[in-house]
Amino acid sequence: DDAGHLARIAGRGFRYQYDAWYDGQDWFAYDFPATPSKLYIFKGPSRWAADLYTRVRVVDRGGIDRWQGGVEYWHSKLLFLGDAPDCVPVEVNFASYGRRHRGEGELFDFSQVEVRRAVELFETSHEEEEWYSFSRTAETKAPLSYGFIVDAVSGIALDYPYFTWDEADTFQKLAEEVRARGIQECHCRIFVDRLLALVVGDGARAELLQRAIDERWRSAAAGPAGSRSSPEAPAG
């Protein structure tokens, strides 16, 4: 059941806040040990130890948001998939909690980490003039339970209470102050890489990352809209 996994989350110092229903899902909501950064855990399958996930899918999405004045954006996330028809697909996201929630005197936004039921599986890649969605899938090095995924995500998240990407390149420009505060760099792609390192072999991880690089270079070479996949674009 979920009790042991939730106890480990609490044992890491995450502070339980409430049960919540939003975006059509039931969640456990936590604050990080020392910051109001958020960890949301989908209540998920009733069989936290029984459902087995055997594939992981890396999804890179981005484009130009005309509703926001033509701002460029990108986001990377992971999906975990099982072979059994009743295995609930799981999506993991690392993002900013929002500029409006930034604390006084803080250099960066707090982070928001989600383990949620995947609504869309992103089974194919697509690219058009102003947006793209690239998907790459690999076998996990061993079958994973939902409980393992929750444990892995919460363990990694503990190191990253801040979402450190911004347009001003604050992390690099204020490197000494960042080090003094003990802040580690993290955005969605860094988090994806950390989690991949736990669940796939080195060869599969290298192939997934290389394919991502190839896709971004190909997109950039395609024309002016290609810069939309640049790491300098706002992350989702």
C-alpha atoms as a PDB file:
ATOM      1  CA  ASP A   1       0.000   0.000   0.000  1.00  0.00           C
ATOM      2  CA  ASP A   2       0.988   3.650  -0.022  1.00  0.00           C
ATOM      3  CA  ALA A   3       1.611   4.062   3.728  1.00  0.00           C
ATOM      4  CA  GLY A   4       5.276   3.046   3.677  1.00  0.00           C
ATOM      5  CA  HIS A   5       6.089   5.282   0.716  1.00  0.00           C
ATOM      6  CA  LEU A   6       4.325   8.273   2.254  1.00  0.00           C
ATOM      7  CA  ALA A   7       6.209   7.641   5.495  1.00  0.00           C
ATOM      8  CA  ARG A   8       9.496   7.803   3.567  1.00  0.00           C
ATOM      9  CA  ILE A   9       8.460  11.119   2.016  1.00  0.00           C
ATOM     10  CA  ALA A  10       7.759  12.498   5.489  1.00  0.00           C
ATOM     11  CA  GLY A  11      11.018  10.974   6.723  1.00  0.00           C
ATOM     12  CA  ARG A  12      12.898  13.057   4.150  1.00  0.00           C
ATOM     13  CA  GLY A  13      11.454  16.179   5.736  1.00  0.00           C
ATOM     14  CA  PHE A  14       8.654  16.969   3.296  1.00  0.00           C
ATOM     15  CA  ARG A  15       5.763  18.592   5.154  1.00  0.00           C
ATOM     16  CA  TYR A  16       2.315  17.200   4.424  1.00  0.00           C
ATOM     17  CA  GLN A  17      -0.164  20.007   3.767  1.00  0.00           C
ATOM     18  CA  TYR A  18      -3.470  18.544   2.593  1.00  0.00           C
ATOM     19  CA  ASP A  19      -5.268  16.184   0.252  1.00  0.00           C
ATOM     20  CA  ALA A  20      -6.444  18.000  -2.853  1.00  0.00           C
ATOM     21  CA  TRP A  21      -8.585  17.514  -5.924  1.00  0.00           C
ATOM     22  CA  TYR A  22      -7.516  19.538  -8.935  1.00  0.00           C
ATOM     23  CA  ASP A  23      -7.087  19.033 -12.653  1.00  0.00           C
ATOM     24  CA  GLY A  24      -9.301  15.979 -12.379  1.00  0.00           C
ATOM     25  CA  GLN A  25      -6.970  14.084 -10.025  1.00  0.00           C
ATOM     26  CA  ASP A  26      -6.621  13.322  -6.301  1.00  0.00           C
ATOM     27  CA  TRP A  27      -3.318  14.475  -4.783  1.00  0.00           C
ATOM     28  CA  PHE A  28      -1.214  14.422  -1.649  1.00  0.00           C
ATOM     29  CA  ALA A  29       0.270  17.926  -1.335  1.00  0.00           C
ATOM     30  CA  TYR A  30       3.592  18.574   0.437  1.00  0.00           C
ATOM     31  CA  ASP A  31       5.861  21.533   1.098  1.00  0.00           C
ATOM     32  CA  PHE A  32       9.615  21.031   0.931  1.00  0.00           C
ATOM     33  CA  PRO A  33      11.511  20.778   4.241  1.00  0.00           C
ATOM     34  CA  ALA A  34      12.743  24.392   4.393  1.00  0.00           C
ATOM     35  CA  THR A  35      10.873  26.219   1.607  1.00  0.00           C
ATOM     36  CA  PRO A  36       7.309  26.515   0.297  1.00  0.00           C
ATOM     37  CA  SER A  37       8.317  24.608  -2.844  1.00  0.00           C
ATOM     38  CA  LYS A  38       5.667  22.041  -3.760  1.00  0.00           C
ATOM     39  CA  LEU A  39       5.610  18.270  -4.167  1.00  0.00           C
ATOM     40  CA  TYR A  40       2.345  16.836  -5.488  1.00  0.00           C
ATOM     41  CA  ILE A  41       1.796  13.064  -5.542  1.00  0.00           C
ATOM     42  CA  PHE A  42      -1.130  11.638  -7.465  1.00  0.00           C
ATOM     43  CA  LYS A  43      -2.897   9.154  -5.194  1.00  0.00           C
ATOM     44  CA  GLY A  44      -2.522   6.843  -8.086  1.00  0.00           C
ATOM     45  CA  PRO A  45      -3.090   3.132  -8.432  1.00  0.00           C
ATOM     46  CA  SER A  46      -4.335   1.310  -5.347  1.00  0.00           C
ATOM     47  CA  ARG A  47      -1.523  -1.205  -5.854  1.00  0.00           C
ATOM     48  CA  TRP A  48       1.541   0.978  -5.290  1.00  0.00           C
ATOM     49  CA  ALA A  49       3.802  -2.065  -5.239  1.00  0.00           C
ATOM     50  CA  ALA A  50       2.008  -4.221  -7.794  1.00  0.00           C
ATOM     51  CA  ASP A  51       1.690  -2.168 -10.980  1.00  0.00           C
ATOM     52  CA  LEU A  52       4.870  -2.588 -12.991  1.00  0.00           C
ATOM     53  CA  TYR A  53       6.290   0.020 -15.362  1.00  0.00           C
ATOM     54  CA  THR A  54       8.681  -1.254 -18.019  1.00  0.00           C
ATOM     55  CA  ARG A  55       9.128   1.744 -20.349  1.00  0.00           C
ATOM     56  CA  VAL A  56      10.027   5.390 -19.909  1.00  0.00           C
ATOM     57  CA  ARG A  57       9.235   8.095 -22.453  1.00  0.00           C
ATOM     58  CA  VAL A  58      11.065  11.428 -22.687  1.00  0.00           C
ATOM     59  CA  VAL A  59       8.864  14.206 -24.047  1.00  0.00           C
ATOM     60  CA  ASP A  60      10.272  17.552 -25.207  1.00  0.00           C
ATOM     61  CA  ARG A  61       7.690  20.166 -26.174  1.00  0.00           C
ATOM     62  CA  GLY A  62       7.897  23.812 -27.093  1.00  0.00           C
ATOM     63  CA  GLY A  63       7.007  26.545 -29.482  1.00  0.00           C
ATOM     64  CA  ILE A  64       5.931  30.152 -29.807  1.00  0.00           C
ATOM     65  CA  ASP A  65       2.997  31.304 -27.676  1.00  0.00           C
ATOM     66  CA  ARG A  66       1.177  33.976 -29.690  1.00  0.00           C
ATOM     67  CA  TRP A  67      -1.270  34.508 -26.829  1.00  0.00           C
ATOM     68  CA  GLN A  68       1.673  35.785 -24.754  1.00  0.00           C
ATOM     69  CA  GLY A  69       3.054  38.127 -27.357  1.00  0.00           C
ATOM     70  CA  GLY A  70       5.152  35.563 -29.218  1.00  0.00           C
ATOM     71  CA  VAL A  71       7.170  34.332 -26.245  1.00  0.00           C
ATOM     72  CA  GLU A  72       9.147  31.138 -26.857  1.00  0.00           C
ATOM     73  CA  TYR A  73       8.757  28.239 -24.415  1.00  0.00           C
ATOM     74  CA  TRP A  74       9.938  24.675 -23.862  1.00  0.00           C
ATOM     75  CA  HIS A  75       9.370  21.886 -21.374  1.00  0.00           C
ATOM     76  CA  SER A  76      10.717  18.357 -20.837  1.00  0.00           C
ATOM     77  CA  LYS A  77       9.014  15.613 -18.848  1.00  0.00           C
ATOM     78  CA  LEU A  78       8.994  11.853 -18.336  1.00  0.00           C
ATOM     79  CA  LEU A  79       6.215   9.310 -18.764  1.00  0.00           C
ATOM     80  CA  PHE A  80       6.291   5.833 -17.220  1.00  0.00           C
ATOM     81  CA  LEU A  81       4.351   3.129 -19.057  1.00  0.00           C
ATOM     82  CA  GLY A  82       3.439  -0.449 -18.232  1.00  0.00           C
ATOM     83  CA  ASP A  83       2.538  -3.414 -20.390  1.00  0.00           C
ATOM     84  CA  ALA A  84      -0.639  -4.420 -18.543  1.00  0.00           C
ATOM     85  CA  PRO A  85      -3.791  -2.763 -19.946  1.00  0.00           C
ATOM     86  CA  ASP A  86      -4.875  -1.608 -16.463  1.00  0.00           C
ATOM     87  CA  CYS A  87      -1.491  -0.070 -15.560  1.00  0.00           C
ATOM     88  CA  VAL A  88      -2.079   3.662 -15.027  1.00  0.00           C
ATOM     89  CA  PRO A  89       0.443   5.734 -17.042  1.00  0.00           C
ATOM     90  CA  VAL A  90       2.407   8.171 -14.895  1.00  0.00           C
ATOM     91  CA  GLU A  91       3.863  11.582 -15.789  1.00  0.00           C
ATOM     92  CA  VAL A  92       6.642  13.402 -13.884  1.00  0.00           C
ATOM     93  CA  ASN A  93       7.075  17.176 -14.150  1.00  0.00           C
ATOM     94  CA  PHE A  94       9.569  19.638 -12.649  1.00  0.00           C
ATOM     95  CA  ALA A  95       8.631  23.298 -13.090  1.00  0.00           C
ATOM     96  CA  SER A  96       8.526  26.730 -11.480  1.00  0.00           C
ATOM     97  CA  TYR A  97       5.964  27.254  -8.725  1.00  0.00           C
ATOM     98  CA  GLY A  98       5.450  30.704 -10.246  1.00  0.00           C
ATOM     99  CA  ARG A  99       7.081  34.129 -10.037  1.00  0.00           C
ATOM    100  CA  ARG A 100       4.245  35.432  -7.876  1.00  0.00           C
ATOM    101  CA  HIS A 101       5.200  32.950  -5.118  1.00  0.00           C
ATOM    102  CA  ARG A 102       8.889  33.926  -5.002  1.00  0.00           C
ATOM    103  CA  GLY A 103       9.944  34.827  -1.467  1.00  0.00           C
ATOM    104  CA  GLU A 104      11.394  38.190  -0.486  1.00  0.00           C
ATOM    105  CA  GLY A 105      15.123  38.275  -1.166  1.00  0.00           C
ATOM    106  CA  GLU A 106      15.076  34.992  -3.099  1.00  0.00           C
ATOM    107  CA  LEU A 107      17.124  34.716  -6.304  1.00  0.00           C
ATOM    108  CA  PHE A 108      14.871  32.139  -7.985  1.00  0.00           C
ATOM    109  CA  ASP A 109      11.336  30.807  -8.132  1.00  0.00           C
ATOM    110  CA  PHE A 110      10.515  27.903  -5.856  1.00  0.00           C
ATOM    111  CA  SER A 111      10.104  24.587  -7.640  1.00  0.00           C
ATOM    112  CA  GLN A 112       6.985  22.514  -8.175  1.00  0.00           C
ATOM    113  CA  VAL A 113       7.301  18.756  -8.676  1.00  0.00           C
ATOM    114  CA  GLU A 114       4.430  16.546  -9.786  1.00  0.00           C
ATOM    115  CA  VAL A 115       3.918  12.814 -10.054  1.00  0.00           C
ATOM    116  CA  ARG A 116       0.594  12.618 -11.860  1.00  0.00           C
ATOM    117  CA  ARG A 117      -1.604  10.371 -13.957  1.00  0.00           C
ATOM    118  CA  ALA A 118      -0.657  10.890 -17.604  1.00  0.00           C
ATOM    119  CA  VAL A 119      -3.622  12.082 -19.632  1.00  0.00           C
ATOM    120  CA  GLU A 120      -1.784  12.156 -22.966  1.00  0.00           C
ATOM    121  CA  LEU A 121       0.799   9.518 -23.978  1.00  0.00           C
ATOM    122  CA  PHE A 122       2.675  11.458 -26.700  1.00  0.00           C
ATOM    123  CA  GLU A 123       3.160   8.304 -28.751  1.00  0.00           C
ATOM    124  CA  THR A 124       4.467  10.124 -31.813  1.00  0.00           C
ATOM    125  CA  SER A 125       6.616  13.172 -32.553  1.00  0.00           C
ATOM    126  CA  HIS A 126       5.274  16.205 -34.390  1.00  0.00           C
ATOM    127  CA  GLU A 127       6.808  19.418 -35.624  1.00  0.00           C
ATOM    128  CA  GLU A 128       5.213  22.408 -37.305  1.00  0.00           C
ATOM    129  CA  GLU A 129       6.339  25.949 -38.019  1.00  0.00           C
ATOM    130  CA  GLU A 130       5.768  27.289 -34.491  1.00  0.00           C
ATOM    131  CA  TRP A 131       5.637  24.260 -32.205  1.00  0.00           C
ATOM    132  CA  TYR A 132       7.084  20.801 -31.726  1.00  0.00           C
ATOM    133  CA  SER A 133       6.613  17.693 -29.601  1.00  0.00           C
ATOM    134  CA  PHE A 134       9.417  15.116 -29.657  1.00  0.00           C
ATOM    135  CA  SER A 135       8.971  11.723 -27.943  1.00  0.00           C
ATOM    136  CA  ARG A 136      11.599   9.055 -27.304  1.00  0.00           C
ATOM    137  CA  THR A 137      10.985   5.762 -25.479  1.00  0.00           C
ATOM    138  CA  ALA A 138      13.295   3.214 -23.852  1.00  0.00           C
ATOM    139  CA  GLU A 139      12.956   0.101 -21.742  1.00  0.00           C
ATOM    140  CA  THR A 140      13.630   0.525 -18.035  1.00  0.00           C
ATOM    141  CA  LYS A 141      16.535  -1.525 -16.706  1.00  0.00           C
ATOM    142  CA  ALA A 142      14.113  -3.342 -14.382  1.00  0.00           C
ATOM    143  CA  PRO A 143      10.323  -3.293 -13.862  1.00  0.00           C
ATOM    144  CA  LEU A 144       9.368  -0.368 -11.612  1.00  0.00           C
ATOM    145  CA  SER A 145       6.479  -0.047  -9.188  1.00  0.00           C
ATOM    146  CA  TYR A 146       4.530   3.166  -8.729  1.00  0.00           C
ATOM    147  CA  GLY A 147       5.941   3.313  -5.214  1.00  0.00           C
ATOM    148  CA  PHE A 148       9.493   3.193  -6.596  1.00  0.00           C
ATOM    149  CA  ILE A 149       8.731   6.097  -8.947  1.00  0.00           C
ATOM    150  CA  VAL A 150       7.338   8.175  -6.069  1.00  0.00           C
ATOM    151  CA  ASP A 151      10.364   7.361  -3.899  1.00  0.00           C
ATOM    152  CA  ALA A 152      12.806   8.203  -6.697  1.00  0.00           C
ATOM    153  CA  VAL A 153      11.150  11.503  -7.567  1.00  0.00           C
ATOM    154  CA  SER A 154      10.879  12.690  -3.974  1.00  0.00           C
ATOM    155  CA  GLY A 155      14.492  11.693  -3.293  1.00  0.00           C
ATOM    156  CA  ILE A 156      15.783  13.685  -6.273  1.00  0.00           C
ATOM    157  CA  ALA A 157      13.445  16.627  -5.623  1.00  0.00           C
ATOM    158  CA  LEU A 158      14.912  17.097  -2.158  1.00  0.00           C
ATOM    159  CA  ASP A 159      18.065  18.552  -3.759  1.00  0.00           C
ATOM    160  CA  TYR A 160      16.141  21.071  -5.874  1.00  0.00           C
ATOM    161  CA  PRO A 161      13.834  23.430  -3.977  1.00  0.00           C
ATOM    162  CA  TYR A 162      14.486  26.119  -6.604  1.00  0.00           C
ATOM    163  CA  PHE A 163      13.767  26.398 -10.319  1.00  0.00           C
ATOM    164  CA  THR A 164      16.971  28.162 -11.343  1.00  0.00           C
ATOM    165  CA  TRP A 165      16.396  28.955 -15.024  1.00  0.00           C
ATOM    166  CA  ASP A 166      15.492  32.538 -15.930  1.00  0.00           C
ATOM    167  CA  GLU A 167      15.963  34.867 -18.890  1.00  0.00           C
ATOM    168  CA  ALA A 168      18.479  36.987 -16.946  1.00  0.00           C
ATOM    169  CA  ASP A 169      20.863  34.010 -16.524  1.00  0.00           C
ATOM    170  CA  THR A 170      20.949  34.703 -12.782  1.00  0.00           C
ATOM    171  CA  PHE A 171      22.497  31.362 -11.874  1.00  0.00           C
ATOM    172  CA  GLN A 172      25.634  32.113 -13.889  1.00  0.00           C
ATOM    173  CA  LYS A 173      25.841  35.857 -13.272  1.00  0.00           C
ATOM    174  CA  LEU A 174      25.522  35.525  -9.479  1.00  0.00           C
ATOM    175  CA  ALA A 175      27.517  32.312  -9.202  1.00  0.00           C
ATOM    176  CA  GLU A 176      29.303  33.258  -5.949  1.00  0.00           C
ATOM    177  CA  GLU A 177      26.070  34.170  -4.176  1.00  0.00           C
ATOM    178  CA  VAL A 178      24.399  31.035  -5.513  1.00  0.00           C
ATOM    179  CA  ARG A 179      27.220  28.899  -4.083  1.00  0.00           C
ATOM    180  CA  ALA A 180      27.082  30.731  -0.767  1.00  0.00           C
ATOM    181  CA  ARG A 181      23.391  29.927  -0.467  1.00  0.00           C
ATOM    182  CA  GLY A 182      23.965  26.276  -1.394  1.00  0.00           C
ATOM    183  CA  ILE A 183      21.568  26.389  -4.350  1.00  0.00           C
ATOM    184  CA  GLN A 184      21.921  23.663  -6.959  1.00  0.00           C
ATOM    185  CA  GLU A 185      21.068  24.334 -10.578  1.00  0.00           C
ATOM    186  CA  CYS A 186      17.892  22.669 -11.813  1.00  0.00           C
ATOM    187  CA  HIS A 187      15.263  23.022 -14.489  1.00  0.00           C
ATOM    188  CA  CYS A 188      13.050  20.462 -16.213  1.00  0.00           C
ATOM    189  CA  ARG A 189      15.788  18.912 -18.390  1.00  0.00           C
ATOM    190  CA  ILE A 190      18.218  18.534 -15.498  1.00  0.00           C
ATOM    191  CA  PHE A 191      15.520  16.801 -13.453  1.00  0.00           C
ATOM    192  CA  VAL A 192      14.664  14.503 -16.357  1.00  0.00           C
ATOM    193  CA  ASP A 193      18.325  13.542 -16.694  1.00  0.00           C
ATOM    194  CA  ARG A 194      18.665  12.784 -12.972  1.00  0.00           C
ATOM    195  CA  LEU A 195      15.609  10.538 -13.030  1.00  0.00           C
ATOM    196  CA  LEU A 196      16.667   8.794 -16.242  1.00  0.00           C
ATOM    197  CA  ALA A 197      19.992   7.903 -14.616  1.00  0.00           C
ATOM    198  CA  LEU A 198      18.076   5.840 -12.041  1.00  0.00           C
ATOM    199  CA  VAL A 199      15.714   3.966 -14.327  1.00  0.00           C
ATOM    200  CA  VAL A 200      17.515   3.176 -17.603  1.00  0.00           C
ATOM    201  CA  GLY A 201      20.942   1.789 -18.418  1.00  0.00           C
ATOM    202  CA  ASP A 202      23.798   4.081 -19.402  1.00  0.00           C
ATOM    203  CA  GLY A 203      23.558   3.081 -23.073  1.00  0.00           C
ATOM    204  CA  ALA A 204      19.823   3.780 -23.292  1.00  0.00           C
ATOM    205  CA  ARG A 205      20.216   7.072 -21.438  1.00  0.00           C
ATOM    206  CA  ALA A 206      23.004   8.209 -23.752  1.00  0.00           C
ATOM    207  CA  GLU A 207      20.900   7.313 -26.797  1.00  0.00           C
ATOM    208  CA  LEU A 208      17.851   9.180 -25.467  1.00  0.00           C
ATOM    209  CA  LEU A 209      19.896  12.288 -24.746  1.00  0.00           C
ATOM    210  CA  GLN A 210      21.723  12.153 -28.083  1.00  0.00           C
ATOM    211  CA  ARG A 211      18.460  11.852 -29.970  1.00  0.00           C
ATOM    212  CA  ALA A 212      17.189  14.904 -28.071  1.00  0.00           C
ATOM    213  CA  ILE A 213      20.286  16.876 -29.114  1.00  0.00           C
ATOM    214  CA  ASP A 214      19.912  15.741 -32.738  1.00  0.00           C
ATOM    215  CA  GLU A 215      16.247  16.766 -32.802  1.00  0.00           C
ATOM    216  CA  ARG A 216      16.974  20.207 -31.367  1.00  0.00           C
ATOM    217  CA  TRP A 217      19.817  20.801 -33.850  1.00  0.00           C
ATOM    218  CA  ARG A 218      17.617  19.655 -36.725  1.00  0.00           C
ATOM    219  CA  SER A 219      14.828  21.950 -35.560  1.00  0.00           C
ATOM    220  CA  ALA A 220      17.222  24.891 -35.203  1.00  0.00           C
ATOM    221  CA  ALA A 221      18.592  24.307 -38.705  1.00  0.00           C
ATOM    222  CA  ALA A 222      15.119  24.292 -40.209  1.00  0.00           C
ATOM    223  CA  GLY A 223      14.712  28.064 -40.073  1.00  0.00           C
ATOM    224  CA  PRO A 224      13.948  31.035 -37.819  1.00  0.00           C
ATOM    225  CA  ALA A 225      11.382  29.117 -35.784  1.00  0.00           C
ATOM    226  CA  GLY A 226      14.028  26.505 -34.986  1.00  0.00           C
ATOM    227  CA  SER A 227      15.384  28.580 -32.107  1.00  0.00           C
ATOM    228  CA  ARG A 228      12.238  27.707 -30.196  1.00  0.00           C
ATOM    229  CA  SER A 229      13.923  24.566 -28.848  1.00  0.00           C
ATOM    230  CA  SER A 230      16.933  26.460 -27.521  1.00  0.00           C
ATOM    231  CA  PRO A 231      17.685  26.080 -23.775  1.00  0.00           C
ATOM    232  CA  GLU A 232      17.563  29.889 -23.622  1.00  0.00           C
ATOM    233  CA  ALA A 233      13.812  29.834 -24.234  1.00  0.00           C
ATOM    234  CA  PRO A 234      11.446  30.064 -21.221  1.00  0.00           C
ATOM    235  CA  ALA A 235      10.843  26.666 -19.643  1.00  0.00           C
ATOM    236  CA  GLY A 236       7.337  25.478 -18.917  1.00  0.00           C
END
